């Protein structure tokens, strides 16, 4: 099946599974420990049921909205994912190009495998930077300064990574905790000759980090040691807020008190996230805590959520419960693995179509009409 023939995100996932060696697919697809959080992210959306308005004129509909105060063709952001260069050649750049063409923001990971300057040049549009805070703060500072010079409009500080989650699929393949592949992983790699010739021969690197390191220092070893910083705290957030002159979000919030503290520091918004189920297992989901945080924040800042979004109806449910928009993680990662830029475009197209149909079938001519009373009480 070609990516253009996929009719839902699940079919893009299946194409990605066939295209990739098992260790790469498991990196995209897997979660921490028993993967309870991973499943709960989907189940939270599936439990929420519509009770739509009837006999509403929905002959003229729009999907457009505003995210962080600026227009967006859809209430979605192509969210940050790592190792995209293992899914498709220049995977980060392909994701950015697809987002630019669709008229939605793209969030580049700190550990992107394409230079942020190349992304800014090749994919003009709304560019956001997801920032991991390294032990060596000067490296993060330097990357932020480069992003500012390149025209990135927003920094998304990631707060939920003090230590790596125990992603057992990656441990079984040998990808983590130290890259030491098993014999089965090597055999599987050789069973995917197209991947091996186009990607495996040219080992992708964390090029934005490498640019800031002394000559000869191994960038992958640096990232593996420095990306996890248990000392990252609210004082660091204040310092980065002072350093970065444009919009800033805090990603990894799941509590009202943390949301309030982020706003008190002067952040422009928050991303309700459990890191896609890849960190703390048996955690609550962004969608579950969205109503109470939306009530507390009360329109004073932007709220986005991620985790488990596989249908356009999920996007609509998030907006109905108070989110301004959603970050798309795995949905677009499956897309890029299924067909590069065309696969990401197809993922966005599928979700946009389903979102449009949900608007019509719930009696909403535009995203602003989505309200909490459209969802039945649990």
Protein backbone atom coordinates (compact mmCIF):
# COMPACT_ATOMS: atom_id res chain seq x y z
CA UNK A 1 0.00 0.00 0.00
CA UNK A 2 1.24 3.49 -0.86
CA UNK A 3 0.91 6.20 1.79
CA UNK A 4 -1.59 8.05 -0.43
CA UNK A 5 -3.90 5.02 -0.24
CA UNK A 6 -4.09 5.09 3.56
CA UNK A 7 -7.53 6.05 4.84
CA UNK A 8 -6.62 6.45 8.51
CA UNK A 9 -3.58 6.90 10.76
CA UNK A 10 -3.66 3.20 11.64
CA UNK A 11 -2.96 2.31 8.01
CA UNK A 12 -0.05 4.77 7.88
CA UNK A 13 1.25 3.04 11.01
CA UNK A 14 1.10 -0.32 9.24
CA UNK A 15 3.00 1.02 6.21
CA UNK A 16 5.62 2.43 8.58
CA UNK A 17 5.89 -0.92 10.35
CA UNK A 18 6.60 -2.67 7.04
CA UNK A 19 9.11 -0.04 5.89
CA UNK A 20 11.27 0.01 9.00
CA UNK A 21 13.48 -2.43 10.87
CA UNK A 22 11.76 -3.55 14.05
CA UNK A 23 14.05 -1.55 16.35
CA UNK A 24 13.21 1.72 14.55
CA UNK A 25 9.48 1.03 14.46
CA UNK A 26 9.48 0.10 18.14
CA UNK A 27 11.23 3.37 18.93
CA UNK A 28 8.31 5.26 17.33
CA UNK A 29 5.57 2.97 18.56
CA UNK A 30 6.60 1.95 22.06
CA UNK A 31 6.09 3.32 25.54
CA UNK A 32 7.51 2.89 29.03
CA UNK A 33 7.34 -0.31 31.07
CA UNK A 34 3.89 -1.97 30.73
CA UNK A 35 2.76 0.76 28.30
CA UNK A 36 -0.26 1.56 30.47
CA UNK A 37 0.11 5.31 29.84
CA UNK A 38 0.50 4.66 26.11
CA UNK A 39 -2.83 2.80 25.99
CA UNK A 40 -4.53 5.22 28.38
CA UNK A 41 -3.75 8.12 26.02
CA UNK A 42 -5.94 6.49 23.37
CA UNK A 43 -8.58 5.18 25.74
CA UNK A 44 -9.18 8.61 27.30
CA UNK A 45 -10.29 9.96 23.93
CA UNK A 46 -12.27 6.83 23.10
CA UNK A 47 -14.25 7.04 26.35
CA UNK A 48 -15.42 10.59 25.61
CA UNK A 49 -18.72 10.39 23.67
CA UNK A 50 -20.40 13.03 21.55
CA UNK A 51 -23.90 14.41 21.99
CA UNK A 52 -23.95 16.78 19.08
CA UNK A 53 -26.40 19.55 18.27
CA UNK A 54 -28.87 18.79 15.49
CA UNK A 55 -30.51 20.94 12.82
CA UNK A 56 -27.64 23.43 12.72
CA UNK A 57 -26.67 25.01 9.40
CA UNK A 58 -23.16 23.62 8.81
CA UNK A 59 -23.13 24.13 5.05
CA UNK A 60 -20.27 26.60 5.40
CA UNK A 61 -17.45 25.42 7.63
CA UNK A 62 -13.94 26.53 8.38
CA UNK A 63 -11.15 24.60 10.08
CA UNK A 64 -8.95 27.66 10.60
CA UNK A 65 -8.15 28.98 14.05
CA UNK A 66 -5.46 30.88 15.95
CA UNK A 67 -2.58 29.28 17.83
CA UNK A 68 -0.44 31.41 20.12
CA UNK A 69 -2.11 34.50 18.73
CA UNK A 70 -1.41 33.82 15.04
CA UNK A 71 -3.48 32.21 12.26
CA UNK A 72 -3.27 28.48 11.64
CA UNK A 73 -5.05 26.49 8.93
CA UNK A 74 -5.88 23.82 11.52
CA UNK A 75 -5.77 23.69 15.32
CA UNK A 76 -2.74 21.40 15.15
CA UNK A 77 1.02 21.64 15.46
CA UNK A 78 3.33 19.04 13.93
CA UNK A 79 4.92 18.11 17.23
CA UNK A 80 8.50 17.31 18.17
CA UNK A 81 9.79 13.78 17.66
CA UNK A 82 13.37 12.54 17.84
CA UNK A 83 15.41 10.34 15.47
CA UNK A 84 13.31 11.32 12.45
CA UNK A 85 16.39 10.80 10.31
CA UNK A 86 16.08 7.08 11.08
CA UNK A 87 12.53 7.00 9.73
CA UNK A 88 13.22 8.72 6.39
CA UNK A 89 16.18 10.51 4.84
CA UNK A 90 16.08 14.12 6.11
CA UNK A 91 13.00 13.20 8.11
CA UNK A 92 12.94 16.41 10.17
CA UNK A 93 13.10 18.51 7.03
CA UNK A 94 10.31 16.49 5.40
CA UNK A 95 8.10 17.00 8.45
CA UNK A 96 8.77 20.74 8.37
CA UNK A 97 8.05 21.01 4.65
CA UNK A 98 4.73 19.20 5.05
CA UNK A 99 3.72 21.42 7.96
CA UNK A 100 4.64 24.55 6.01
CA UNK A 101 2.58 23.41 3.02
CA UNK A 102 -0.39 22.63 5.28
CA UNK A 103 -0.25 26.04 6.96
CA UNK A 104 0.37 24.75 10.48
CA UNK A 105 3.32 25.22 12.88
CA UNK A 106 6.19 22.75 13.05
CA UNK A 107 8.06 22.03 16.28
CA UNK A 108 11.66 20.96 15.73
CA UNK A 109 13.33 18.81 18.38
CA UNK A 110 16.61 19.88 19.94
CA UNK A 111 17.92 16.50 18.75
CA UNK A 112 16.83 17.08 15.17
CA UNK A 113 18.96 15.44 12.51
CA UNK A 114 18.70 18.47 10.21
CA UNK A 115 20.18 21.87 10.99
CA UNK A 116 17.65 24.40 12.22
CA UNK A 117 19.05 26.92 9.72
CA UNK A 118 18.32 24.48 6.86
CA UNK A 119 14.79 23.93 8.13
CA UNK A 120 14.18 27.70 8.36
CA UNK A 121 15.43 28.13 4.78
CA UNK A 122 13.69 25.11 3.22
CA UNK A 123 10.39 25.21 5.11
CA UNK A 124 9.37 28.83 5.65
CA UNK A 125 6.42 29.07 7.97
CA UNK A 126 5.70 28.97 11.67
CA UNK A 127 8.69 27.30 13.33
CA UNK A 128 8.85 26.32 16.99
CA UNK A 129 11.83 24.80 18.83
CA UNK A 130 11.36 22.05 21.40
CA UNK A 131 14.22 22.49 23.86
CA UNK A 132 15.79 19.84 26.02
CA UNK A 133 17.83 21.52 28.72
CA UNK A 134 21.29 19.97 28.75
CA UNK A 135 23.50 19.67 31.81
CA UNK A 136 25.80 22.08 30.01
CA UNK A 137 23.40 25.01 29.83
CA UNK A 138 25.68 26.88 27.40
CA UNK A 139 24.82 24.33 24.68
CA UNK A 140 21.08 24.93 25.10
CA UNK A 141 21.68 28.70 25.23
CA UNK A 142 23.63 28.60 21.96
CA UNK A 143 20.92 26.61 20.18
CA UNK A 144 18.27 29.08 21.37
CA UNK A 145 20.31 32.01 20.07
CA UNK A 146 20.62 30.32 16.68
CA UNK A 147 16.87 29.64 16.62
CA UNK A 148 16.18 33.30 17.36
CA UNK A 149 18.48 34.38 14.52
CA UNK A 150 16.78 31.91 12.16
CA UNK A 151 13.33 33.33 12.91
CA UNK A 152 11.81 30.64 15.14
CA UNK A 153 8.77 32.13 16.87
CA UNK A 154 8.40 29.90 19.92
CA UNK A 155 10.43 27.74 22.31
CA UNK A 156 8.78 24.71 23.91
CA UNK A 157 10.72 23.83 27.07
CA UNK A 158 10.41 20.13 27.87
CA UNK A 159 10.16 19.52 31.61
CA UNK A 160 9.34 15.81 31.98
CA UNK A 161 12.72 14.25 31.19
CA UNK A 162 14.83 14.32 34.39
CA UNK A 163 15.74 10.68 33.72
CA UNK A 164 14.85 8.46 30.75
CA UNK A 165 11.77 6.27 31.02
CA UNK A 166 12.25 2.51 30.84
CA UNK A 167 11.14 1.78 27.27
CA UNK A 168 11.43 -1.98 27.27
CA UNK A 169 10.98 -2.48 23.53
CA UNK A 170 14.14 -0.42 23.01
CA UNK A 171 15.96 -2.41 25.69
CA UNK A 172 15.07 -5.69 23.95
CA UNK A 173 16.34 -4.47 20.58
CA UNK A 174 19.57 -3.13 22.07
CA UNK A 175 18.87 0.50 21.07
CA UNK A 176 18.79 1.50 24.76
CA UNK A 177 20.12 1.97 27.37
CA UNK A 178 23.42 1.55 25.47
CA UNK A 179 23.36 1.01 21.74
CA UNK A 180 24.33 -2.64 21.52
CA UNK A 181 22.14 -4.43 19.00
CA UNK A 182 21.14 -8.04 19.44
CA UNK A 183 21.72 -10.62 16.71
CA UNK A 184 17.98 -10.59 15.99
CA UNK A 185 18.11 -6.81 15.47
CA UNK A 186 21.01 -7.13 13.01
CA UNK A 187 19.19 -9.86 11.06
CA UNK A 188 16.09 -7.69 10.90
CA UNK A 189 18.13 -4.75 9.59
CA UNK A 190 19.44 -6.93 6.74
CA UNK A 191 15.83 -7.91 5.96
CA UNK A 192 15.16 -4.23 5.12
CA UNK A 193 17.66 -3.52 2.33
CA UNK A 194 15.99 -0.30 1.14
CA UNK A 195 16.19 1.19 4.63
CA UNK A 196 19.76 -0.05 5.00
CA UNK A 197 20.86 1.54 1.70
CA UNK A 198 19.07 4.88 2.10
CA UNK A 199 19.42 5.47 5.84
CA UNK A 200 21.48 2.80 7.56
CA UNK A 201 24.60 3.49 5.47
CA UNK A 202 24.62 7.15 6.52
CA UNK A 203 24.29 7.26 10.27
CA UNK A 204 22.17 10.29 11.19
CA UNK A 205 23.63 12.69 13.73
CA UNK A 206 22.30 15.27 16.15
CA UNK A 207 23.68 18.04 13.98
CA UNK A 208 22.41 21.06 15.94
CA UNK A 209 24.13 19.84 19.08
CA UNK A 210 27.26 18.78 17.22
CA UNK A 211 27.74 22.32 15.90
CA UNK A 212 28.17 23.55 19.50
CA UNK A 213 30.68 20.88 20.62
CA UNK A 214 34.47 20.96 20.46
CA UNK A 215 35.95 19.24 17.42
CA UNK A 216 36.26 15.51 17.89
CA UNK A 217 33.71 15.15 20.69
CA UNK A 218 31.20 12.37 19.99
CA UNK A 219 27.80 14.05 19.69
CA UNK A 220 25.76 10.89 20.32
CA UNK A 221 27.69 10.19 23.53
CA UNK A 222 27.25 13.82 24.60
CA UNK A 223 23.49 13.72 24.03
CA UNK A 224 23.16 10.38 25.81
CA UNK A 225 24.94 11.68 28.91
CA UNK A 226 23.81 15.31 29.00
CA UNK A 227 20.18 15.22 27.87
CA UNK A 228 18.95 13.89 31.20
CA UNK A 229 19.35 16.52 33.91
CA UNK A 230 17.61 15.86 37.24
CA UNK A 231 18.59 19.35 38.43
CA UNK A 232 16.42 21.22 35.86
CA UNK A 233 13.97 23.29 37.92
CA UNK A 234 11.80 26.42 38.04
CA UNK A 235 14.82 28.69 38.42
CA UNK A 236 16.06 27.42 35.06
CA UNK A 237 12.65 28.13 33.53
CA UNK A 238 12.88 31.73 34.76
CA UNK A 239 16.35 32.07 33.27
CA UNK A 240 15.23 30.76 29.88
CA UNK A 241 12.20 33.03 29.99
CA UNK A 242 14.59 35.97 30.41
CA UNK A 243 16.89 34.68 27.66
CA UNK A 244 14.25 34.02 24.99
CA UNK A 245 12.44 37.17 23.75
CA UNK A 246 9.53 35.52 21.92
CA UNK A 247 6.75 33.06 22.76
CA UNK A 248 7.52 30.26 25.22
CA UNK A 249 5.57 27.17 26.26
CA UNK A 250 6.24 24.63 29.01
CA UNK A 251 5.68 21.02 27.92
CA UNK A 252 5.06 18.25 30.43
CA UNK A 253 2.44 19.90 32.67
CA UNK A 254 -0.26 17.68 34.22
CA UNK A 255 -1.21 19.67 37.37
CA UNK A 256 -3.05 22.91 38.04
CA UNK A 257 -0.38 24.20 40.44
CA UNK A 258 2.36 23.67 37.84
CA UNK A 259 0.24 25.42 35.21
CA UNK A 260 -0.28 28.40 37.52
CA UNK A 261 3.43 28.57 38.32
CA UNK A 262 4.34 28.56 34.63
CA UNK A 263 2.00 31.49 34.00
CA UNK A 264 3.35 33.39 37.01
CA UNK A 265 6.84 33.17 35.51
CA UNK A 266 5.53 34.75 32.32
CA UNK A 267 5.22 31.82 29.93
CA UNK A 268 2.73 32.18 27.11
CA UNK A 269 1.19 28.76 27.55
CA UNK A 270 1.57 25.11 28.44
CA UNK A 271 1.48 21.73 26.72
CA UNK A 272 -0.36 19.10 28.74
CA UNK A 273 1.72 16.01 28.10
CA UNK A 274 2.90 12.71 29.56
CA UNK A 275 5.55 12.49 26.82
CA UNK A 276 3.43 10.15 24.73
CA UNK A 277 3.54 7.45 27.38
CA UNK A 278 7.31 7.17 27.00
CA UNK A 279 8.36 8.35 30.48
CA UNK A 280 6.25 7.66 33.60
CA UNK A 281 4.01 4.62 33.23
CA UNK A 282 0.49 4.66 34.67
CA UNK A 283 0.33 8.46 34.45
CA UNK A 284 -2.77 10.54 33.81
CA UNK A 285 -3.28 11.89 30.32
CA UNK A 286 -3.30 15.46 29.08
CA UNK A 287 -6.91 15.03 27.97
CA UNK A 288 -8.02 13.83 31.42
CA UNK A 289 -6.58 16.83 33.25
CA UNK A 290 -7.51 19.33 30.55
CA UNK A 291 -10.91 20.39 32.00
CA UNK A 292 -9.58 21.34 35.46
CA UNK A 293 -6.53 23.11 34.07
CA UNK A 294 -8.64 24.96 31.48
CA UNK A 295 -10.94 26.15 34.27
CA UNK A 296 -7.98 27.37 36.32
CA UNK A 297 -6.10 29.05 33.47
CA UNK A 298 -9.33 30.64 32.24
CA UNK A 299 -8.07 31.96 28.91
CA UNK A 300 -5.02 33.65 30.43
CA UNK A 301 -2.66 31.54 28.35
CA UNK A 302 -2.59 29.03 25.51
CA UNK A 303 -3.22 25.38 26.33
CA UNK A 304 -2.16 22.63 23.95
CA UNK A 305 -2.21 18.89 24.56
CA UNK A 306 -0.58 15.84 23.05
CA UNK A 307 -0.74 12.08 23.47
CA UNK A 308 -2.97 9.53 21.76
CA UNK A 309 -4.39 11.73 18.99
CA UNK A 310 -5.18 9.43 16.05
CA UNK A 311 -8.48 10.81 14.76
CA UNK A 312 -9.80 14.19 13.73
CA UNK A 313 -12.50 13.66 16.34
CA UNK A 314 -9.79 13.57 19.01
CA UNK A 315 -8.71 17.07 17.96
CA UNK A 316 -12.31 18.25 18.23
CA UNK A 317 -12.69 16.69 21.69
CA UNK A 318 -9.56 18.46 22.90
CA UNK A 319 -10.87 21.81 21.70
CA UNK A 320 -14.30 21.18 23.20
CA UNK A 321 -12.69 20.63 26.62
CA UNK A 322 -10.66 23.83 26.50
CA UNK A 323 -7.50 23.28 24.46
CA UNK A 324 -6.41 25.82 21.88
CA UNK A 325 -4.83 23.11 19.75
CA UNK A 326 -2.98 19.80 19.77
CA UNK A 327 0.55 18.59 19.16
CA UNK A 328 0.69 15.67 16.71
CA UNK A 329 3.51 13.27 17.57
CA UNK A 330 3.20 9.66 16.46
CA UNK A 331 0.55 10.40 13.82
CA UNK A 332 3.07 12.44 11.83
CA UNK A 333 5.99 10.15 12.71
CA UNK A 334 4.07 7.24 11.17
CA UNK A 335 3.44 9.47 8.17
CA UNK A 336 7.08 10.38 7.57
CA UNK A 337 8.11 6.73 8.00
CA UNK A 338 5.40 5.69 5.53
CA UNK A 339 6.32 8.12 2.77
CA UNK A 340 8.44 11.11 3.75
CA UNK A 341 6.84 14.47 3.07
CA UNK A 342 3.95 12.83 1.19
CA UNK A 343 3.24 10.59 4.18
CA UNK A 344 3.14 13.52 6.60
CA UNK A 345 0.90 15.44 4.20
CA UNK A 346 -1.41 12.43 4.05
CA UNK A 347 -1.54 12.21 7.86
CA UNK A 348 -2.52 15.87 8.13
CA UNK A 349 -5.03 15.48 5.30
CA UNK A 350 -6.68 12.48 6.98
CA UNK A 351 -6.99 14.26 10.32
CA UNK A 352 -8.26 17.47 8.69
CA UNK A 353 -10.96 15.54 6.83
CA UNK A 354 -12.06 13.73 10.00
CA UNK A 355 -11.99 16.98 11.98
CA UNK A 356 -14.18 18.66 9.34
CA UNK A 357 -16.69 15.79 9.40
CA UNK A 358 -16.79 15.91 13.20
CA UNK A 359 -17.55 19.62 13.13
CA UNK A 360 -20.43 19.06 10.73
CA UNK A 361 -21.86 16.07 12.59
CA UNK A 362 -21.77 17.82 15.99
CA UNK A 363 -23.41 21.01 14.67
CA UNK A 364 -20.31 23.21 14.68
CA UNK A 365 -19.53 25.45 11.70
CA UNK A 366 -16.05 26.30 13.07
CA UNK A 367 -13.66 25.27 15.86
CA UNK A 368 -14.87 28.07 18.15
CA UNK A 369 -18.29 26.38 18.33
CA UNK A 370 -16.84 23.31 20.06
CA UNK A 371 -17.90 23.41 23.72
CA UNK A 372 -17.80 21.02 26.64
CA UNK A 373 -21.54 20.36 26.60
CA UNK A 374 -21.07 18.49 23.31
CA UNK A 375 -19.37 15.67 25.23
CA UNK A 376 -21.46 13.41 27.47
CA UNK A 377 -20.39 13.20 31.13
CA UNK A 378 -18.19 10.17 31.80
